[in-house]
Amino acid sequence: MYGLKIEMSSAQVLTILLHRGLLGFVIGISVLRIHWAWHGIWLGLIIGVPSIPGIILGEGRLAYFVMGPVWGFIIELFTSIVFRAKAVKA
């Protein structure tokens, strides 16, 4: 069989889904008033910070921290540009 085969445990899949869900939730409730792209990138970095001790100890994956800003940008792109969701004024 050809192609990319990635073996992941169910715990890893659950962690990834919870990370992306938490990131989307935090972006949705955030009251930061900065450009949408920077908003997603910064919150992606902040949400990825708890993975740093695992990376240092060799038990975590660097991708959880590195991909946080990327996914934050993608989430913001879809909510702000594609779906044109407006921020609620507090």
N, C-alpha and C. Protein backbone atom coordinates (compact mmCIF):
# COMPACT_ATOMS: atom_id res chain seq x y z
N MET A 1 0.84 -1.17 0.00
CA MET A 1 0.00 0.00 0.00
C MET A 1 0.89 1.24 0.00
N TYR A 2 0.54 2.20 -0.80
CA TYR A 2 1.32 3.42 -0.92
C TYR A 2 0.64 4.55 -0.17
N GLY A 3 1.42 5.56 0.14
CA GLY A 3 0.87 6.74 0.78
C GLY A 3 1.41 6.92 2.18
N LEU A 4 0.94 7.95 2.79
CA LEU A 4 1.38 8.30 4.13
C LEU A 4 0.52 7.57 5.15
N LYS A 5 1.18 6.86 6.04
CA LYS A 5 0.46 6.14 7.08
C LYS A 5 0.93 6.67 8.43
N ILE A 6 0.01 7.25 9.15
CA ILE A 6 0.32 7.80 10.45
C ILE A 6 -0.41 6.98 11.50
N GLU A 7 0.36 6.39 12.40
CA GLU A 7 -0.25 5.62 13.47
C GLU A 7 -0.41 6.51 14.68
N MET A 8 -1.65 6.64 15.13
CA MET A 8 -1.95 7.48 16.29
C MET A 8 -2.84 6.71 17.23
N SER A 9 -2.59 6.88 18.51
CA SER A 9 -3.44 6.24 19.51
C SER A 9 -4.73 7.05 19.64
N SER A 10 -5.71 6.44 20.26
CA SER A 10 -6.97 7.15 20.45
C SER A 10 -6.78 8.33 21.40
N ALA A 11 -5.83 8.23 22.33
CA ALA A 11 -5.56 9.35 23.24
C ALA A 11 -4.98 10.54 22.47
N GLN A 12 -4.13 10.30 21.49
CA GLN A 12 -3.57 11.38 20.68
C GLN A 12 -4.65 12.04 19.83
N VAL A 13 -5.52 11.25 19.25
CA VAL A 13 -6.61 11.81 18.45
C VAL A 13 -7.53 12.65 19.33
N LEU A 14 -7.85 12.16 20.51
CA LEU A 14 -8.71 12.91 21.44
C LEU A 14 -8.04 14.22 21.86
N THR A 15 -6.73 14.17 22.13
CA THR A 15 -6.00 15.38 22.51
C THR A 15 -6.04 16.42 21.40
N ILE A 16 -5.84 15.99 20.18
CA ILE A 16 -5.87 16.92 19.05
C ILE A 16 -7.25 17.54 18.90
N LEU A 17 -8.29 16.74 18.98
CA LEU A 17 -9.66 17.25 18.85
C LEU A 17 -10.01 18.22 19.98
N LEU A 18 -9.61 17.89 21.20
CA LEU A 18 -9.87 18.79 22.33
C LEU A 18 -9.09 20.09 22.19
N HIS A 19 -7.86 20.01 21.71
CA HIS A 19 -7.04 21.22 21.51
C HIS A 19 -7.69 22.15 20.50
N ARG A 20 -8.12 21.61 19.37
CA ARG A 20 -8.74 22.44 18.33
C ARG A 20 -10.08 22.98 18.81
N GLY A 21 -10.84 22.17 19.53
CA GLY A 21 -12.12 22.64 20.06
C GLY A 21 -11.94 23.74 21.09
N LEU A 22 -10.96 23.57 21.98
CA LEU A 22 -10.67 24.61 22.96
C LEU A 22 -10.21 25.89 22.28
N LEU A 23 -9.37 25.77 21.27
CA LEU A 23 -8.89 26.93 20.53
C LEU A 23 -10.05 27.67 19.88
N GLY A 24 -10.96 26.96 19.24
CA GLY A 24 -12.12 27.60 18.63
C GLY A 24 -13.01 28.27 19.65
N PHE A 25 -13.18 27.64 20.80
CA PHE A 25 -14.00 28.23 21.87
C PHE A 25 -13.37 29.51 22.39
N VAL A 26 -12.07 29.48 22.66
CA VAL A 26 -11.38 30.65 23.21
C VAL A 26 -11.39 31.79 22.19
N ILE A 27 -11.20 31.48 20.93
CA ILE A 27 -11.27 32.52 19.89
C ILE A 27 -12.68 33.12 19.86
N GLY A 28 -13.68 32.28 20.02
CA GLY A 28 -15.06 32.77 19.98
C GLY A 28 -15.43 33.67 21.14
N ILE A 29 -14.87 33.43 22.33
CA ILE A 29 -15.24 34.25 23.48
C ILE A 29 -14.24 35.37 23.76
N SER A 30 -13.16 35.43 23.01
CA SER A 30 -12.12 36.43 23.26
C SER A 30 -12.61 37.84 22.99
N VAL A 31 -12.16 38.78 23.81
CA VAL A 31 -12.51 40.18 23.65
C VAL A 31 -11.31 41.03 23.19
N LEU A 32 -10.25 40.38 22.77
CA LEU A 32 -9.09 41.12 22.27
C LEU A 32 -9.48 41.87 21.00
N ARG A 33 -9.08 43.10 20.91
CA ARG A 33 -9.41 43.94 19.75
C ARG A 33 -8.18 44.16 18.89
N ILE A 34 -7.76 43.10 18.23
CA ILE A 34 -6.62 43.18 17.31
C ILE A 34 -7.07 42.60 15.97
N HIS A 35 -6.25 42.73 14.95
CA HIS A 35 -6.58 42.21 13.63
C HIS A 35 -6.88 40.71 13.73
N TRP A 36 -7.82 40.24 12.93
CA TRP A 36 -8.29 38.86 13.03
C TRP A 36 -7.16 37.85 12.87
N ALA A 37 -6.21 38.10 11.97
CA ALA A 37 -5.14 37.13 11.74
C ALA A 37 -4.23 37.02 12.97
N TRP A 38 -3.85 38.17 13.53
CA TRP A 38 -3.00 38.16 14.72
C TRP A 38 -3.75 37.58 15.92
N HIS A 39 -5.03 37.81 15.96
CA HIS A 39 -5.87 37.27 17.03
C HIS A 39 -5.77 35.75 17.08
N GLY A 40 -5.93 35.12 15.93
CA GLY A 40 -5.86 33.66 15.86
C GLY A 40 -4.47 33.14 16.16
N ILE A 41 -3.44 33.82 15.64
CA ILE A 41 -2.06 33.38 15.86
C ILE A 41 -1.69 33.47 17.35
N TRP A 42 -2.00 34.60 17.98
CA TRP A 42 -1.67 34.78 19.40
C TRP A 42 -2.41 33.80 20.28
N LEU A 43 -3.68 33.62 20.03
CA LEU A 43 -4.43 32.67 20.86
C LEU A 43 -3.97 31.24 20.61
N GLY A 44 -3.56 30.93 19.39
CA GLY A 44 -3.00 29.61 19.12
C GLY A 44 -1.72 29.37 19.90
N LEU A 45 -0.88 30.40 20.00
CA LEU A 45 0.34 30.28 20.81
C LEU A 45 0.00 30.11 22.29
N ILE A 46 -0.94 30.89 22.78
CA ILE A 46 -1.31 30.82 24.19
C ILE A 46 -1.89 29.46 24.56
N ILE A 47 -2.75 28.93 23.71
CA ILE A 47 -3.36 27.63 23.98
C ILE A 47 -2.32 26.51 23.88
N GLY A 48 -1.27 26.72 23.09
CA GLY A 48 -0.22 25.71 22.94
C GLY A 48 0.81 25.71 24.06
N VAL A 49 0.82 26.74 24.91
CA VAL A 49 1.82 26.85 25.98
C VAL A 49 1.82 25.65 26.93
N PRO A 50 0.68 25.07 27.33
CA PRO A 50 0.74 23.91 28.24
C PRO A 50 1.47 22.70 27.68
N SER A 51 1.73 22.64 26.39
CA SER A 51 2.45 21.50 25.82
C SER A 51 3.96 21.65 25.94
N ILE A 52 4.46 22.81 26.36
CA ILE A 52 5.90 23.04 26.42
C ILE A 52 6.61 22.12 27.42
N PRO A 53 6.10 21.91 28.65
CA PRO A 53 6.82 20.99 29.55
C PRO A 53 6.98 19.58 28.98
N GLY A 54 5.97 19.10 28.28
CA GLY A 54 6.08 17.78 27.66
C GLY A 54 7.11 17.75 26.55
N ILE A 55 7.23 18.86 25.82
CA ILE A 55 8.24 18.94 24.76
C ILE A 55 9.64 18.93 25.37
N ILE A 56 9.83 19.69 26.45
CA ILE A 56 11.14 19.76 27.10
C ILE A 56 11.53 18.40 27.67
N LEU A 57 10.58 17.70 28.26
CA LEU A 57 10.86 16.39 28.85
C LEU A 57 10.93 15.28 27.82
N GLY A 58 10.63 15.58 26.58
CA GLY A 58 10.70 14.57 25.53
C GLY A 58 9.48 13.70 25.43
N GLU A 59 8.42 14.05 26.14
CA GLU A 59 7.21 13.23 26.12
C GLU A 59 6.11 13.82 25.25
N GLY A 60 6.27 15.08 24.87
CA GLY A 60 5.24 15.74 24.08
C GLY A 60 5.66 15.87 22.62
N ARG A 61 4.79 16.41 21.85
CA ARG A 61 5.07 16.62 20.43
C ARG A 61 5.16 18.10 20.15
N LEU A 62 6.18 18.49 19.44
CA LEU A 62 6.37 19.88 19.08
C LEU A 62 5.24 20.38 18.19
N ALA A 63 4.62 19.47 17.45
CA ALA A 63 3.55 19.86 16.53
C ALA A 63 2.35 20.46 17.26
N TYR A 64 2.09 20.04 18.50
CA TYR A 64 0.97 20.62 19.25
C TYR A 64 1.20 22.11 19.47
N PHE A 65 2.45 22.49 19.73
CA PHE A 65 2.76 23.90 19.97
C PHE A 65 2.89 24.67 18.67
N VAL A 66 3.54 24.08 17.66
CA VAL A 66 3.78 24.77 16.39
C VAL A 66 2.50 24.94 15.59
N MET A 67 1.65 23.95 15.60
CA MET A 67 0.44 24.01 14.80
C MET A 67 -0.68 24.83 15.44
N GLY A 68 -0.53 25.19 16.71
CA GLY A 68 -1.53 26.03 17.37
C GLY A 68 -1.76 27.35 16.65
N PRO A 69 -0.70 28.12 16.37
CA PRO A 69 -0.90 29.37 15.62
C PRO A 69 -1.45 29.15 14.21
N VAL A 70 -1.04 28.06 13.58
CA VAL A 70 -1.54 27.77 12.23
C VAL A 70 -3.04 27.51 12.28
N TRP A 71 -3.47 26.66 13.21
CA TRP A 71 -4.90 26.38 13.33
C TRP A 71 -5.68 27.59 13.82
N GLY A 72 -5.06 28.40 14.69
CA GLY A 72 -5.71 29.64 15.12
C GLY A 72 -5.98 30.56 13.95
N PHE A 73 -4.99 30.67 13.06
CA PHE A 73 -5.16 31.48 11.85
C PHE A 73 -6.27 30.92 10.97
N ILE A 74 -6.28 29.60 10.79
CA ILE A 74 -7.29 28.98 9.93
C ILE A 74 -8.70 29.16 10.53
N ILE A 75 -8.83 28.99 11.83
CA ILE A 75 -10.13 29.17 12.49
C ILE A 75 -10.60 30.60 12.32
N GLU A 76 -9.70 31.56 12.55
CA GLU A 76 -10.06 32.98 12.38
C GLU A 76 -10.38 33.31 10.93
N LEU A 77 -9.66 32.72 10.00
CA LEU A 77 -9.92 32.95 8.58
C LEU A 77 -11.34 32.55 8.23
N PHE A 78 -11.74 31.37 8.69
CA PHE A 78 -13.08 30.90 8.36
C PHE A 78 -14.16 31.70 9.09
N THR A 79 -13.94 32.03 10.36
CA THR A 79 -14.99 32.76 11.07
C THR A 79 -15.09 34.21 10.63
N SER A 80 -13.95 34.87 10.43
CA SER A 80 -13.97 36.30 10.12
C SER A 80 -14.17 36.61 8.64
N ILE A 81 -13.57 35.83 7.77
CA ILE A 81 -13.60 36.14 6.34
C ILE A 81 -14.65 35.29 5.60
N VAL A 82 -14.58 33.99 5.75
CA VAL A 82 -15.48 33.11 4.99
C VAL A 82 -16.92 33.23 5.49
N PHE A 83 -17.14 33.12 6.82
CA PHE A 83 -18.49 33.17 7.36
C PHE A 83 -18.92 34.58 7.76
N ARG A 84 -17.98 35.53 7.76
CA ARG A 84 -18.23 36.94 8.09
C ARG A 84 -18.93 37.13 9.42
N ALA A 85 -18.48 36.39 10.43
CA ALA A 85 -19.04 36.53 11.77
C ALA A 85 -18.55 37.82 12.38
N LYS A 86 -19.43 38.57 12.96
CA LYS A 86 -19.09 39.85 13.58
C LYS A 86 -18.80 39.63 15.06
N ALA A 87 -17.84 40.37 15.58
CA ALA A 87 -17.53 40.33 17.00
C ALA A 87 -18.63 41.04 17.77
N VAL A 88 -19.02 40.44 18.87
CA VAL A 88 -20.06 41.04 19.70
C VAL A 88 -19.41 42.08 20.59
N LYS A 89 -19.98 43.25 20.63
CA LYS A 89 -19.47 44.33 21.48
C LYS A 89 -19.93 44.10 22.90
N ALA A 90 -18.99 44.17 23.84
CA ALA A 90 -19.33 43.95 25.25
C ALA A 90 -19.83 45.22 25.89
